[in-house]
Amino acid sequence: LLTDAAVPGATGTELAHRLRRIRPELCVLCLAGHEEAHGGGTL
């Protein structure tokens, strides 16, 4: 799942958790702006 940190009606993290209820093995990469990220690079 390649998602933005902010999606309509949720966050990328919330979306990931919802989808992982159906597909627990799902990998997630969330694209975050400066204010959403916690440091630099891939976290």
PDB file of all heavy atoms in Angstrom:
ATOM      1  N   LEU A   1       0.875  -1.168   0.000  1.00  0.00           N
ATOM      2  CA  LEU A   1       0.000   0.000   0.000  1.00  0.00           C
ATOM      3  C   LEU A   1       0.910   1.215   0.000  1.00  0.00           C
ATOM      4  O   LEU A   1       1.724   1.384   0.908  1.00  0.00           O
ATOM      5  CB  LEU A   1      -0.895   0.021   1.239  1.00  0.00           C
ATOM      6  CG  LEU A   1      -1.643   1.334   1.509  1.00  0.00           C
ATOM      7  CD1 LEU A   1      -2.657   1.623   0.402  1.00  0.00           C
ATOM      8  CD2 LEU A   1      -2.306   1.304   2.874  1.00  0.00           C
ATOM      9  N   LEU A   2       0.791   2.054  -1.019  1.00  0.00           N
ATOM     10  CA  LEU A   2       1.504   3.324  -1.097  1.00  0.00           C
ATOM     11  C   LEU A   2       0.457   4.398  -0.881  1.00  0.00           C
ATOM     12  O   LEU A   2      -0.459   4.555  -1.689  1.00  0.00           O
ATOM     13  CB  LEU A   2       2.170   3.466  -2.465  1.00  0.00           C
ATOM     14  CG  LEU A   2       2.952   4.740  -2.719  1.00  0.00           C
ATOM     15  CD1 LEU A   2       4.118   4.859  -1.747  1.00  0.00           C
ATOM     16  CD2 LEU A   2       3.450   4.758  -4.149  1.00  0.00           C
ATOM     17  N   THR A   3       0.548   5.102   0.238  1.00  0.00           N
ATOM     18  CA  THR A   3      -0.479   6.059   0.603  1.00  0.00           C
ATOM     19  C   THR A   3       0.148   7.359   1.077  1.00  0.00           C
ATOM     20  O   THR A   3       1.314   7.396   1.458  1.00  0.00           O
ATOM     21  CB  THR A   3      -1.405   5.494   1.708  1.00  0.00           C
ATOM     22  OG1 THR A   3      -2.456   6.418   1.963  1.00  0.00           O
ATOM     23  CG2 THR A   3      -0.659   5.215   2.990  1.00  0.00           C
ATOM     24  N   ASP A   4      -0.630   8.401   1.040  1.00  0.00           N
ATOM     25  CA  ASP A   4      -0.197   9.673   1.595  1.00  0.00           C
ATOM     26  C   ASP A   4      -0.507   9.670   3.088  1.00  0.00           C
ATOM     27  O   ASP A   4      -1.376   8.923   3.544  1.00  0.00           O
ATOM     28  CB  ASP A   4      -0.931  10.825   0.899  1.00  0.00           C
ATOM     29  CG  ASP A   4      -0.231  12.150   1.116  1.00  0.00           C
ATOM     30  OD1 ASP A   4       0.654  12.488   0.324  1.00  0.00           O
ATOM     31  OD2 ASP A   4      -0.580  12.832   2.101  1.00  0.00           O
ATOM     32  N   ALA A   5       0.183  10.503   3.843  1.00  0.00           N
ATOM     33  CA  ALA A   5      -0.077  10.591   5.285  1.00  0.00           C
ATOM     34  C   ALA A   5      -1.472  11.143   5.562  1.00  0.00           C
ATOM     35  O   ALA A   5      -2.091  10.796   6.560  1.00  0.00           O
ATOM     36  CB  ALA A   5       0.980  11.461   5.952  1.00  0.00           C
ATOM     37  N   ALA A   6      -1.969  11.982   4.660  1.00  0.00           N
ATOM     38  CA  ALA A   6      -3.305  12.565   4.828  1.00  0.00           C
ATOM     39  C   ALA A   6      -4.181  12.135   3.661  1.00  0.00           C
ATOM     40  O   ALA A   6      -3.895  12.459   2.517  1.00  0.00           O
ATOM     41  CB  ALA A   6      -3.215  14.081   4.879  1.00  0.00           C
ATOM     42  N   VAL A   7      -5.197  11.344   3.965  1.00  0.00           N
ATOM     43  CA  VAL A   7      -6.167  10.917   2.952  1.00  0.00           C
ATOM     44  C   VAL A   7      -7.538  11.405   3.411  1.00  0.00           C
ATOM     45  O   VAL A   7      -7.755  11.612   4.609  1.00  0.00           O
ATOM     46  CB  VAL A   7      -6.157   9.384   2.739  1.00  0.00           C
ATOM     47  CG1 VAL A   7      -4.843   8.928   2.144  1.00  0.00           C
ATOM     48  CG2 VAL A   7      -6.424   8.640   4.018  1.00  0.00           C
ATOM     49  N   PRO A   8      -8.475  11.603   2.495  1.00  0.00           N
ATOM     50  CA  PRO A   8      -9.792  12.118   2.896  1.00  0.00           C
ATOM     51  C   PRO A   8     -10.443  11.250   3.982  1.00  0.00           C
ATOM     52  O   PRO A   8     -10.596  10.047   3.815  1.00  0.00           O
ATOM     53  CB  PRO A   8     -10.604  12.076   1.606  1.00  0.00           C
ATOM     54  CG  PRO A   8      -9.578  12.176   0.521  1.00  0.00           C
ATOM     55  CD  PRO A   8      -8.374  11.425   1.043  1.00  0.00           C
ATOM     56  N   GLY A   9     -10.750  11.871   5.098  1.00  0.00           N
ATOM     57  CA  GLY A   9     -11.459  11.187   6.168  1.00  0.00           C
ATOM     58  C   GLY A   9     -10.606  10.330   7.080  1.00  0.00           C
ATOM     59  O   GLY A   9     -11.140   9.653   7.966  1.00  0.00           O
ATOM     60  N   ALA A  10      -9.283  10.320   6.903  1.00  0.00           N
ATOM     61  CA  ALA A  10      -8.429   9.473   7.733  1.00  0.00           C
ATOM     62  C   ALA A  10      -6.983   9.927   7.591  1.00  0.00           C
ATOM     63  O   ALA A  10      -6.700  10.929   6.952  1.00  0.00           O
ATOM     64  CB  ALA A  10      -8.565   8.011   7.311  1.00  0.00           C
ATOM     65  N   THR A  11      -6.090   9.147   8.185  1.00  0.00           N
ATOM     66  CA  THR A  11      -4.665   9.324   7.943  1.00  0.00           C
ATOM     67  C   THR A  11      -4.168   8.077   7.231  1.00  0.00           C
ATOM     68  O   THR A  11      -4.860   7.042   7.208  1.00  0.00           O
ATOM     69  CB  THR A  11      -3.879   9.492   9.263  1.00  0.00           C
ATOM     70  OG1 THR A  11      -3.944   8.255   9.989  1.00  0.00           O
ATOM     71  CG2 THR A  11      -4.415  10.634  10.106  1.00  0.00           C
ATOM     72  N   GLY A  12      -2.994   8.155   6.669  1.00  0.00           N
ATOM     73  CA  GLY A  12      -2.413   6.985   6.018  1.00  0.00           C
ATOM     74  C   GLY A  12      -2.257   5.827   6.986  1.00  0.00           C
ATOM     75  O   GLY A  12      -2.481   4.668   6.644  1.00  0.00           O
ATOM     76  N   THR A  13      -1.906   6.141   8.229  1.00  0.00           N
ATOM     77  CA  THR A  13      -1.756   5.107   9.256  1.00  0.00           C
ATOM     78  C   THR A  13      -3.089   4.440   9.556  1.00  0.00           C
ATOM     79  O   THR A  13      -3.174   3.212   9.667  1.00  0.00           O
ATOM     80  CB  THR A  13      -1.160   5.709  10.544  1.00  0.00           C
ATOM     81  OG1 THR A  13       0.107   6.297  10.224  1.00  0.00           O
ATOM     82  CG2 THR A  13      -0.974   4.669  11.620  1.00  0.00           C
ATOM     83  N   GLU A  14      -4.149   5.230   9.686  1.00  0.00           N
ATOM     84  CA  GLU A  14      -5.475   4.653   9.928  1.00  0.00           C
ATOM     85  C   GLU A  14      -5.906   3.765   8.769  1.00  0.00           C
ATOM     86  O   GLU A  14      -6.444   2.671   8.975  1.00  0.00           O
ATOM     87  CB  GLU A  14      -6.506   5.767  10.135  1.00  0.00           C
ATOM     88  CG  GLU A  14      -6.321   6.518  11.431  1.00  0.00           C
ATOM     89  CD  GLU A  14      -7.135   7.808  11.512  1.00  0.00           C
ATOM     90  OE1 GLU A  14      -7.591   8.319  10.470  1.00  0.00           O
ATOM     91  OE2 GLU A  14      -7.303   8.295  12.636  1.00  0.00           O
ATOM     92  N   LEU A  15      -5.668   4.230   7.538  1.00  0.00           N
ATOM     93  CA  LEU A  15      -5.988   3.429   6.362  1.00  0.00           C
ATOM     94  C   LEU A  15      -5.221   2.112   6.381  1.00  0.00           C
ATOM     95  O   LEU A  15      -5.786   1.041   6.133  1.00  0.00           O
ATOM     96  CB  LEU A  15      -5.670   4.218   5.086  1.00  0.00           C
ATOM     97  CG  LEU A  15      -5.873   3.484   3.771  1.00  0.00           C
ATOM     98  CD1 LEU A  15      -7.332   3.076   3.589  1.00  0.00           C
ATOM     99  CD2 LEU A  15      -5.411   4.366   2.614  1.00  0.00           C
ATOM    100  N   ALA A  16      -3.945   2.181   6.711  1.00  0.00           N
ATOM    101  CA  ALA A  16      -3.122   0.963   6.769  1.00  0.00           C
ATOM    102  C   ALA A  16      -3.675  -0.021   7.797  1.00  0.00           C
ATOM    103  O   ALA A  16      -3.787  -1.215   7.514  1.00  0.00           O
ATOM    104  CB  ALA A  16      -1.680   1.330   7.099  1.00  0.00           C
ATOM    105  N   HIS A  17      -4.028   0.464   8.974  1.00  0.00           N
ATOM    106  CA  HIS A  17      -4.561  -0.424  10.012  1.00  0.00           C
ATOM    107  C   HIS A  17      -5.883  -1.056   9.576  1.00  0.00           C
ATOM    108  O   HIS A  17      -6.120  -2.240   9.839  1.00  0.00           O
ATOM    109  CB  HIS A  17      -4.721   0.320  11.334  1.00  0.00           C
ATOM    110  CG  HIS A  17      -3.411   0.637  11.990  1.00  0.00           C
ATOM    111  ND1 HIS A  17      -2.505  -0.315  12.401  1.00  0.00           N
ATOM    112  CD2 HIS A  17      -2.844   1.826  12.287  1.00  0.00           C
ATOM    113  CE1 HIS A  17      -1.454   0.256  12.928  1.00  0.00           C
ATOM    114  NE2 HIS A  17      -1.623   1.566  12.870  1.00  0.00           N
ATOM    115  N   ARG A  18      -6.726  -0.285   8.914  1.00  0.00           N
ATOM    116  CA  ARG A  18      -7.999  -0.843   8.405  1.00  0.00           C
ATOM    117  C   ARG A  18      -7.748  -1.949   7.385  1.00  0.00           C
ATOM    118  O   ARG A  18      -8.379  -3.009   7.437  1.00  0.00           O
ATOM    119  CB  ARG A  18      -8.837   0.251   7.759  1.00  0.00           C
ATOM    120  CG  ARG A  18      -9.433   1.226   8.727  1.00  0.00           C
ATOM    121  CD  ARG A  18     -10.240   2.273   7.996  1.00  0.00           C
ATOM    122  NE  ARG A  18     -10.493   3.420   8.851  1.00  0.00           N
ATOM    123  CZ  ARG A  18     -11.001   4.562   8.432  1.00  0.00           C
ATOM    124  NH1 ARG A  18     -11.309   4.723   7.156  1.00  0.00           N
ATOM    125  NH2 ARG A  18     -11.197   5.542   9.264  1.00  0.00           N
ATOM    126  N   LEU A  19      -6.846  -1.693   6.450  1.00  0.00           N
ATOM    127  CA  LEU A  19      -6.570  -2.683   5.412  1.00  0.00           C
ATOM    128  C   LEU A  19      -5.851  -3.906   5.964  1.00  0.00           C
ATOM    129  O   LEU A  19      -6.058  -5.022   5.484  1.00  0.00           O
ATOM    130  CB  LEU A  19      -5.775  -2.063   4.276  1.00  0.00           C
ATOM    131  CG  LEU A  19      -6.556  -1.052   3.445  1.00  0.00           C
ATOM    132  CD1 LEU A  19      -5.642  -0.352   2.436  1.00  0.00           C
ATOM    133  CD2 LEU A  19      -7.709  -1.734   2.714  1.00  0.00           C
ATOM    134  N   ARG A  20      -5.035  -3.722   6.988  1.00  0.00           N
ATOM    135  CA  ARG A  20      -4.333  -4.864   7.581  1.00  0.00           C
ATOM    136  C   ARG A  20      -5.271  -5.779   8.355  1.00  0.00           C
ATOM    137  O   ARG A  20      -4.913  -6.916   8.642  1.00  0.00           O
ATOM    138  CB  ARG A  20      -3.196  -4.383   8.461  1.00  0.00           C
ATOM    139  CG  ARG A  20      -1.980  -3.994   7.625  1.00  0.00           C
ATOM    140  CD  ARG A  20      -0.831  -3.662   8.501  1.00  0.00           C
ATOM    141  NE  ARG A  20       0.384  -3.491   7.723  1.00  0.00           N
ATOM    142  CZ  ARG A  20       1.442  -2.862   8.181  1.00  0.00           C
ATOM    143  NH1 ARG A  20       1.443  -2.355   9.410  1.00  0.00           N
ATOM    144  NH2 ARG A  20       2.509  -2.740   7.431  1.00  0.00           N
ATOM    145  N   ARG A  21      -6.458  -5.304   8.703  1.00  0.00           N
ATOM    146  CA  ARG A  21      -7.439  -6.212   9.307  1.00  0.00           C
ATOM    147  C   ARG A  21      -7.858  -7.271   8.295  1.00  0.00           C
ATOM    148  O   ARG A  21      -8.172  -8.398   8.656  1.00  0.00           O
ATOM    149  CB  ARG A  21      -8.662  -5.437   9.791  1.00  0.00           C
ATOM    150  CG  ARG A  21      -8.413  -4.684  11.057  1.00  0.00           C
ATOM    151  CD  ARG A  21      -9.699  -4.061  11.599  1.00  0.00           C
ATOM    152  NE  ARG A  21      -9.342  -2.815  12.249  1.00  0.00           N
ATOM    153  CZ  ARG A  21      -9.897  -1.642  12.031  1.00  0.00           C
ATOM    154  NH1 ARG A  21     -10.904  -1.533  11.195  1.00  0.00           N
ATOM    155  NH2 ARG A  21      -9.476  -0.582  12.651  1.00  0.00           N
ATOM    156  N   ILE A  22      -7.868  -6.879   7.014  1.00  0.00           N
ATOM    157  CA  ILE A  22      -8.250  -7.793   5.928  1.00  0.00           C
ATOM    158  C   ILE A  22      -7.030  -8.548   5.407  1.00  0.00           C
ATOM    159  O   ILE A  22      -7.111  -9.736   5.123  1.00  0.00           O
ATOM    160  CB  ILE A  22      -8.898  -6.999   4.773  1.00  0.00           C
ATOM    161  CG1 ILE A  22     -10.127  -6.245   5.269  1.00  0.00           C
ATOM    162  CG2 ILE A  22      -9.246  -7.904   3.597  1.00  0.00           C
ATOM    163  CD1 ILE A  22     -10.603  -5.157   4.317  1.00  0.00           C
ATOM    164  N   ARG A  23      -5.901  -7.839   5.275  1.00  0.00           N
ATOM    165  CA  ARG A  23      -4.656  -8.399   4.746  1.00  0.00           C
ATOM    166  C   ARG A  23      -3.517  -8.105   5.721  1.00  0.00           C
ATOM    167  O   ARG A  23      -2.778  -7.141   5.543  1.00  0.00           O
ATOM    168  CB  ARG A  23      -4.325  -7.795   3.386  1.00  0.00           C
ATOM    169  CG  ARG A  23      -5.309  -8.144   2.310  1.00  0.00           C
ATOM    170  CD  ARG A  23      -4.796  -7.583   0.983  1.00  0.00           C
ATOM    171  NE  ARG A  23      -5.610  -8.017  -0.108  1.00  0.00           N
ATOM    172  CZ  ARG A  23      -5.484  -9.181  -0.747  1.00  0.00           C
ATOM    173  NH1 ARG A  23      -4.569 -10.028  -0.375  1.00  0.00           N
ATOM    174  NH2 ARG A  23      -6.283  -9.491  -1.739  1.00  0.00           N
ATOM    175  N   PRO A  24      -3.346  -8.929   6.743  1.00  0.00           N
ATOM    176  CA  PRO A  24      -2.335  -8.655   7.770  1.00  0.00           C
ATOM    177  C   PRO A  24      -0.902  -8.580   7.241  1.00  0.00           C
ATOM    178  O   PRO A  24      -0.062  -7.928   7.839  1.00  0.00           O
ATOM    179  CB  PRO A  24      -2.476  -9.828   8.743  1.00  0.00           C
ATOM    180  CG  PRO A  24      -3.768 -10.469   8.424  1.00  0.00           C
ATOM    181  CD  PRO A  24      -4.125 -10.117   7.024  1.00  0.00           C
ATOM    182  N   GLU A  25      -0.624  -9.235   6.131  1.00  0.00           N
ATOM    183  CA  GLU A  25       0.730  -9.260   5.581  1.00  0.00           C
ATOM    184  C   GLU A  25       1.051  -8.038   4.724  1.00  0.00           C
ATOM    185  O   GLU A  25       2.174  -7.890   4.239  1.00  0.00           O
ATOM    186  CB  GLU A  25       0.927 -10.536   4.739  1.00  0.00           C
ATOM    187  CG  GLU A  25       0.190 -10.540   3.406  1.00  0.00           C
ATOM    188  CD  GLU A  25      -1.339 -10.713   3.471  1.00  0.00           C
ATOM    189  OE1 GLU A  25      -1.894 -10.985   4.551  1.00  0.00           O
ATOM    190  OE2 GLU A  25      -1.971 -10.558   2.425  1.00  0.00           O
ATOM    191  N   LEU A  26       0.101  -7.131   4.552  1.00  0.00           N
ATOM    192  CA  LEU A  26       0.259  -5.983   3.672  1.00  0.00           C
ATOM    193  C   LEU A  26       1.406  -5.073   4.113  1.00  0.00           C
ATOM    194  O   LEU A  26       1.484  -4.666   5.267  1.00  0.00           O
ATOM    195  CB  LEU A  26      -1.039  -5.163   3.655  1.00  0.00           C
ATOM    196  CG  LEU A  26      -1.108  -3.972   2.715  1.00  0.00           C
ATOM    197  CD1 LEU A  26      -1.052  -4.415   1.254  1.00  0.00           C
ATOM    198  CD2 LEU A  26      -2.374  -3.175   2.966  1.00  0.00           C
ATOM    199  N   CYS A  27       2.307  -4.768   3.192  1.00  0.00           N
ATOM    200  CA  CYS A  27       3.374  -3.798   3.434  1.00  0.00           C
ATOM    201  C   CYS A  27       2.820  -2.402   3.177  1.00  0.00           C
ATOM    202  O   CYS A  27       1.959  -2.221   2.328  1.00  0.00           O
ATOM    203  CB  CYS A  27       4.537  -4.039   2.483  1.00  0.00           C
ATOM    204  SG  CYS A  27       5.359  -5.610   2.722  1.00  0.00           S
ATOM    205  N   VAL A  28       3.333  -1.424   3.919  1.00  0.00           N
ATOM    206  CA  VAL A  28       2.831  -0.057   3.794  1.00  0.00           C
ATOM    207  C   VAL A  28       4.002   0.911   3.699  1.00  0.00           C
ATOM    208  O   VAL A  28       4.942   0.840   4.490  1.00  0.00           O
ATOM    209  CB  VAL A  28       1.948   0.327   4.993  1.00  0.00           C
ATOM    210  CG1 VAL A  28       1.438   1.754   4.846  1.00  0.00           C
ATOM    211  CG2 VAL A  28       0.784  -0.640   5.149  1.00  0.00           C
ATOM    212  N   LEU A  29       3.895   1.819   2.735  1.00  0.00           N
ATOM    213  CA  LEU A  29       4.830   2.938   2.613  1.00  0.00           C
ATOM    214  C   LEU A  29       3.981   4.194   2.578  1.00  0.00           C
ATOM    215  O   LEU A  29       3.152   4.369   1.687  1.00  0.00           O
ATOM    216  CB  LEU A  29       5.682   2.821   1.349  1.00  0.00           C
ATOM    217  CG  LEU A  29       6.667   3.964   1.089  1.00  0.00           C
ATOM    218  CD1 LEU A  29       7.622   4.166   2.260  1.00  0.00           C
ATOM    219  CD2 LEU A  29       7.445   3.704  -0.196  1.00  0.00           C
ATOM    220  N   CYS A  30       4.172   5.043   3.574  1.00  0.00           N
ATOM    221  CA  CYS A  30       3.373   6.253   3.726  1.00  0.00           C
ATOM    222  C   CYS A  30       4.215   7.471   3.348  1.00  0.00           C
ATOM    223  O   CYS A  30       5.310   7.650   3.868  1.00  0.00           O
ATOM    224  CB  CYS A  30       2.910   6.341   5.173  1.00  0.00           C
ATOM    225  SG  CYS A  30       1.724   7.655   5.474  1.00  0.00           S
ATOM    226  N   LEU A  31       3.689   8.289   2.444  1.00  0.00           N
ATOM    227  CA  LEU A  31       4.372   9.491   2.001  1.00  0.00           C
ATOM    228  C   LEU A  31       3.974  10.636   2.918  1.00  0.00           C
ATOM    229  O   LEU A  31       2.791  10.948   3.040  1.00  0.00           O
ATOM    230  CB  LEU A  31       3.995   9.806   0.558  1.00  0.00           C
ATOM    231  CG  LEU A  31       4.140   8.634  -0.416  1.00  0.00           C
ATOM    232  CD1 LEU A  31       3.662   9.035  -1.797  1.00  0.00           C
ATOM    233  CD2 LEU A  31       5.558   8.122  -0.445  1.00  0.00           C
ATOM    234  N   ALA A  32       4.944  11.234   3.576  1.00  0.00           N
ATOM    235  CA  ALA A  32       4.646  12.252   4.587  1.00  0.00           C
ATOM    236  C   ALA A  32       5.332  13.564   4.255  1.00  0.00           C
ATOM    237  O   ALA A  32       6.491  13.576   3.860  1.00  0.00           O
ATOM    238  CB  ALA A  32       5.102  11.759   5.960  1.00  0.00           C
ATOM    239  N   GLY A  33       4.599  14.652   4.434  1.00  0.00           N
ATOM    240  CA  GLY A  33       5.169  15.976   4.281  1.00  0.00           C
ATOM    241  C   GLY A  33       6.054  16.303   5.456  1.00  0.00           C
ATOM    242  O   GLY A  33       6.154  15.544   6.422  1.00  0.00           O
ATOM    243  N   HIS A  34       6.716  17.435   5.398  1.00  0.00           N
ATOM    244  CA  HIS A  34       7.643  17.817   6.466  1.00  0.00           C
ATOM    245  C   HIS A  34       6.983  17.801   7.837  1.00  0.00           C
ATOM    246  O   HIS A  34       7.549  17.311   8.795  1.00  0.00           O
ATOM    247  CB  HIS A  34       8.214  19.217   6.200  1.00  0.00           C
ATOM    248  CG  HIS A  34       9.053  19.281   4.974  1.00  0.00           C
ATOM    249  ND1 HIS A  34      10.296  18.697   4.910  1.00  0.00           N
ATOM    250  CD2 HIS A  34       8.836  19.830   3.758  1.00  0.00           C
ATOM    251  CE1 HIS A  34      10.812  18.896   3.710  1.00  0.00           C
ATOM    252  NE2 HIS A  34       9.933  19.586   2.993  1.00  0.00           N
ATOM    253  N   GLU A  35       5.767  18.314   7.933  1.00  0.00           N
ATOM    254  CA  GLU A  35       5.112  18.384   9.234  1.00  0.00           C
ATOM    255  C   GLU A  35       4.606  17.036   9.728  1.00  0.00           C
ATOM    256  O   GLU A  35       4.433  16.832  10.913  1.00  0.00           O
ATOM    257  CB  GLU A  35       3.953  19.394   9.221  1.00  0.00           C
ATOM    258  CG  GLU A  35       2.825  19.055   8.265  1.00  0.00           C
ATOM    259  CD  GLU A  35       3.091  19.469   6.815  1.00  0.00           C
ATOM    260  OE1 GLU A  35       4.123  20.068   6.528  1.00  0.00           O
ATOM    261  OE2 GLU A  35       2.228  19.157   5.972  1.00  0.00           O
ATOM    262  N   GLU A  36       4.370  16.072   8.818  1.00  0.00           N
ATOM    263  CA  GLU A  36       3.883  14.757   9.250  1.00  0.00           C
ATOM    264  C   GLU A  36       5.023  13.803   9.582  1.00  0.00           C
ATOM    265  O   GLU A  36       4.836  12.866  10.328  1.00  0.00           O
ATOM    266  CB  GLU A  36       3.028  14.093   8.162  1.00  0.00           C
ATOM    267  CG  GLU A  36       1.762  14.825   7.851  1.00  0.00           C
ATOM    268  CD  GLU A  36       1.770  15.426   6.460  1.00  0.00           C
ATOM    269  OE1 GLU A  36       2.802  15.393   5.787  1.00  0.00           O
ATOM    270  OE2 GLU A  36       0.729  15.957   6.069  1.00  0.00           O
ATOM    271  N   ALA A  37       6.197  14.031   8.992  1.00  0.00           N
ATOM    272  CA  ALA A  37       7.316  13.097   9.158  1.00  0.00           C
ATOM    273  C   ALA A  37       7.985  13.303  10.516  1.00  0.00           C
ATOM    274  O   ALA A  37       7.936  14.375  11.088  1.00  0.00           O
ATOM    275  CB  ALA A  37       8.335  13.290   8.048  1.00  0.00           C
ATOM    276  N   HIS A  38       8.614  12.268  11.003  1.00  0.00           N
ATOM    277  CA  HIS A  38       9.354  12.331  12.263  1.00  0.00           C
ATOM    278  C   HIS A  38      10.825  12.121  11.941  1.00  0.00           C
ATOM    279  O   HIS A  38      11.365  11.049  12.124  1.00  0.00           O
ATOM    280  CB  HIS A  38       8.855  11.263  13.235  1.00  0.00           C
ATOM    281  CG  HIS A  38       7.394  11.347  13.505  1.00  0.00           C
ATOM    282  ND1 HIS A  38       6.846  12.333  14.278  1.00  0.00           N
ATOM    283  CD2 HIS A  38       6.358  10.595  13.069  1.00  0.00           C
ATOM    284  CE1 HIS A  38       5.542  12.174  14.336  1.00  0.00           C
ATOM    285  NE2 HIS A  38       5.221  11.129  13.599  1.00  0.00           N
ATOM    286  N   GLY A  39      11.454  13.139  11.391  1.00  0.00           N
ATOM    287  CA  GLY A  39      12.853  13.027  11.002  1.00  0.00           C
ATOM    288  C   GLY A  39      12.975  12.911   9.505  1.00  0.00           C
ATOM    289  O   GLY A  39      12.025  13.154   8.775  1.00  0.00           O
ATOM    290  N   GLY A  40      14.130  12.538   9.016  1.00  0.00           N
ATOM    291  CA  GLY A  40      14.360  12.517   7.574  1.00  0.00           C
ATOM    292  C   GLY A  40      14.405  11.119   7.008  1.00  0.00           C
ATOM    293  O   GLY A  40      14.587  10.151   7.711  1.00  0.00           O
ATOM    294  N   GLY A  41      14.239  11.041   5.730  1.00  0.00           N
ATOM    295  CA  GLY A  41      14.383   9.778   5.017  1.00  0.00           C
ATOM    296  C   GLY A  41      13.234   8.829   5.242  1.00  0.00           C
ATOM    297  O   GLY A  41      12.107   9.230   5.456  1.00  0.00           O
ATOM    298  N   THR A  42      13.531   7.538   5.199  1.00  0.00           N
ATOM    299  CA  THR A  42      12.530   6.501   5.377  1.00  0.00           C
ATOM    300  C   THR A  42      12.537   6.054   6.826  1.00  0.00           C
ATOM    301  O   THR A  42      13.567   5.699   7.365  1.00  0.00           O
ATOM    302  CB  THR A  42      12.842   5.295   4.467  1.00  0.00           C
ATOM    303  OG1 THR A  42      12.911   5.761   3.138  1.00  0.00           O
ATOM    304  CG2 THR A  42      11.790   4.228   4.574  1.00  0.00           C
ATOM    305  N   LEU A  43      11.405   6.078   7.453  1.00  0.00           N
ATOM    306  CA  LEU A  43      11.275   5.719   8.855  1.00  0.00           C
ATOM    307  C   LEU A  43      10.328   4.553   9.002  1.00  0.00           C
ATOM    308  O   LEU A  43       9.464   4.339   8.173  1.00  0.00           O
ATOM    309  CB  LEU A  43      10.709   6.904   9.645  1.00  0.00           C
ATOM    310  CG  LEU A  43      11.434   8.221   9.458  1.00  0.00           C
ATOM    311  CD1 LEU A  43      10.627   9.339  10.092  1.00  0.00           C
ATOM    312  CD2 LEU A  43      12.790   8.149  10.102  1.00  0.00           C
TER     313      LEU A  43
END
